Amino acid sequence: MENPRQMEASFSTLAISLGTQAIIALGLVENPITKKTETDRNVARFNIDMLRTLRDKTKGNLNDAEEKLLNGIIHDLQLKFVESN
């Protein structure tokens, strides 16, 4: 695994990071800190809302790949959120 200090700070990294936090909060993957699967729908919803806000605030300023990535993450997370009910 790559050392986080060596990772490139980019829009894609930010979007993936927020998406990963939502997936962890939905209990779909183990929390890497606690090593437990935990569910917190409020945290998941918050991270999805953060991604939607990011999309709205960056509209017209993203390249095609960034826009596609962000929209895909939001779409997938919204489906997983509804399915987790």
C-alpha atoms as a PDB file:
ATOM      1  CA  MET A   1       0.000   0.000   0.000  1.00  0.00           C
ATOM      2  CA  GLU A   2       1.264   3.438  -0.883  1.00  0.00           C
ATOM      3  CA  ASN A   3       2.266   5.735   1.933  1.00  0.00           C
ATOM      4  CA  PRO A   4      -0.455   8.456   2.207  1.00  0.00           C
ATOM      5  CA  ARG A   5       2.250  11.103   2.454  1.00  0.00           C
ATOM      6  CA  GLN A   6       3.419  10.110  -1.035  1.00  0.00           C
ATOM      7  CA  MET A   7      -0.027  10.261  -2.636  1.00  0.00           C
ATOM      8  CA  GLU A   8      -0.745  13.077  -5.039  1.00  0.00           C
ATOM      9  CA  ALA A   9      -3.276  15.626  -3.831  1.00  0.00           C
ATOM     10  CA  SER A  10      -5.805  15.871  -6.635  1.00  0.00           C
ATOM     11  CA  PHE A  11      -9.496  16.295  -7.247  1.00  0.00           C
ATOM     12  CA  SER A  12      -9.825  12.575  -7.984  1.00  0.00           C
ATOM     13  CA  THR A  13      -8.091  11.653  -4.718  1.00  0.00           C
ATOM     14  CA  LEU A  14     -10.473  13.937  -2.807  1.00  0.00           C
ATOM     15  CA  ALA A  15     -13.568  12.428  -4.454  1.00  0.00           C
ATOM     16  CA  ILE A  16     -12.360   8.871  -3.889  1.00  0.00           C
ATOM     17  CA  SER A  17     -11.520   9.649  -0.261  1.00  0.00           C
ATOM     18  CA  LEU A  18     -15.004  10.991   0.467  1.00  0.00           C
ATOM     19  CA  GLY A  19     -16.522   8.032  -1.359  1.00  0.00           C
ATOM     20  CA  THR A  20     -14.447   5.592   0.656  1.00  0.00           C
ATOM     21  CA  GLN A  21     -15.613   7.185   3.903  1.00  0.00           C
ATOM     22  CA  ALA A  22     -19.225   6.751   2.782  1.00  0.00           C
ATOM     23  CA  ILE A  23     -18.639   3.082   1.904  1.00  0.00           C
ATOM     24  CA  ILE A  24     -17.086   2.470   5.318  1.00  0.00           C
ATOM     25  CA  ALA A  25     -20.021   4.239   7.022  1.00  0.00           C
ATOM     26  CA  LEU A  26     -22.487   2.082   5.076  1.00  0.00           C
ATOM     27  CA  GLY A  27     -20.760  -0.980   6.547  1.00  0.00           C
ATOM     28  CA  LEU A  28     -19.772  -2.280   3.120  1.00  0.00           C
ATOM     29  CA  VAL A  29     -16.096  -2.551   4.056  1.00  0.00           C
ATOM     30  CA  GLU A  30     -14.197  -2.874   7.298  1.00  0.00           C
ATOM     31  CA  ASN A  31     -13.119   0.311   9.032  1.00  0.00           C
ATOM     32  CA  PRO A  32      -9.316   0.246   8.645  1.00  0.00           C
ATOM     33  CA  ILE A  33      -8.820   1.877  12.046  1.00  0.00           C
ATOM     34  CA  THR A  34     -11.127  -0.274  14.180  1.00  0.00           C
ATOM     35  CA  LYS A  35     -10.885  -3.382  11.963  1.00  0.00           C
ATOM     36  CA  LYS A  36     -14.665  -3.740  12.383  1.00  0.00           C
ATOM     37  CA  THR A  37     -17.591  -3.374  10.018  1.00  0.00           C
ATOM     38  CA  GLU A  38     -19.667  -0.500  11.361  1.00  0.00           C
ATOM     39  CA  THR A  39     -22.736   1.268  10.046  1.00  0.00           C
ATOM     40  CA  ASP A  40     -23.468   4.956  10.509  1.00  0.00           C
ATOM     41  CA  ARG A  41     -26.024   6.141   7.966  1.00  0.00           C
ATOM     42  CA  ASN A  42     -25.685   9.765   9.113  1.00  0.00           C
ATOM     43  CA  VAL A  43     -21.978   9.758   8.287  1.00  0.00           C
ATOM     44  CA  ALA A  44     -22.664   8.023   4.977  1.00  0.00           C
ATOM     45  CA  ARG A  45     -25.321  10.588   4.066  1.00  0.00           C
ATOM     46  CA  PHE A  46     -23.005  13.444   5.089  1.00  0.00           C
ATOM     47  CA  ASN A  47     -20.223  12.190   2.804  1.00  0.00           C
ATOM     48  CA  ILE A  48     -22.626  11.688  -0.104  1.00  0.00           C
ATOM     49  CA  ASP A  49     -23.961  15.207   0.455  1.00  0.00           C
ATOM     50  CA  MET A  50     -20.374  16.511   0.525  1.00  0.00           C
ATOM     51  CA  LEU A  51     -19.740  14.881  -2.848  1.00  0.00           C
ATOM     52  CA  ARG A  52     -22.926  16.389  -4.269  1.00  0.00           C
ATOM     53  CA  THR A  53     -21.910  19.815  -2.953  1.00  0.00           C
ATOM     54  CA  LEU A  54     -18.478  19.372  -4.486  1.00  0.00           C
ATOM     55  CA  ARG A  55     -20.114  18.493  -7.823  1.00  0.00           C
ATOM     56  CA  ASP A  56     -22.408  21.521  -7.665  1.00  0.00           C
ATOM     57  CA  LYS A  57     -19.636  23.940  -6.694  1.00  0.00           C
ATOM     58  CA  THR A  58     -17.198  22.698  -9.346  1.00  0.00           C
ATOM     59  CA  LYS A  59     -19.700  22.496 -12.219  1.00  0.00           C
ATOM     60  CA  GLY A  60     -18.057  23.709 -15.411  1.00  0.00           C
ATOM     61  CA  ASN A  61     -14.564  23.539 -13.905  1.00  0.00           C
ATOM     62  CA  LEU A  62     -13.865  19.801 -14.116  1.00  0.00           C
ATOM     63  CA  ASN A  63     -12.362  17.938 -17.022  1.00  0.00           C
ATOM     64  CA  ASP A  64     -14.399  15.099 -18.527  1.00  0.00           C
ATOM     65  CA  ALA A  65     -12.625  12.374 -16.563  1.00  0.00           C
ATOM     66  CA  GLU A  66     -13.099  14.176 -13.231  1.00  0.00           C
ATOM     67  CA  GLU A  67     -16.766  14.838 -13.945  1.00  0.00           C
ATOM     68  CA  LYS A  68     -17.376  11.224 -14.951  1.00  0.00           C
ATOM     69  CA  LEU A  69     -15.575   9.937 -11.846  1.00  0.00           C
ATOM     70  CA  LEU A  70     -17.492  12.218  -9.491  1.00  0.00           C
ATOM     71  CA  ASN A  71     -20.880  11.469 -11.049  1.00  0.00           C
ATOM     72  CA  GLY A  72     -20.152   7.743 -10.979  1.00  0.00           C
ATOM     73  CA  ILE A  73     -19.159   7.792  -7.308  1.00  0.00           C
ATOM     74  CA  ILE A  74     -22.271   9.763  -6.351  1.00  0.00           C
ATOM     75  CA  HIS A  75     -24.573   7.522  -8.384  1.00  0.00           C
ATOM     76  CA  ASP A  76     -23.105   4.305  -6.949  1.00  0.00           C
ATOM     77  CA  LEU A  77     -23.204   5.588  -3.379  1.00  0.00           C
ATOM     78  CA  GLN A  78     -26.800   6.775  -3.669  1.00  0.00           C
ATOM     79  CA  LEU A  79     -27.828   3.308  -4.882  1.00  0.00           C
ATOM     80  CA  LYS A  80     -25.915   1.602  -2.081  1.00  0.00           C
ATOM     81  CA  PHE A  81     -27.439   3.980   0.469  1.00  0.00           C
ATOM     82  CA  VAL A  82     -30.986   3.130  -0.663  1.00  0.00           C
ATOM     83  CA  GLU A  83     -30.188  -0.598  -0.814  1.00  0.00           C
ATOM     84  CA  SER A  84     -28.813  -0.530   2.732  1.00  0.00           C
ATOM     85  CA  ASN A  85     -32.172   0.501   4.168  1.00  0.00           C
END
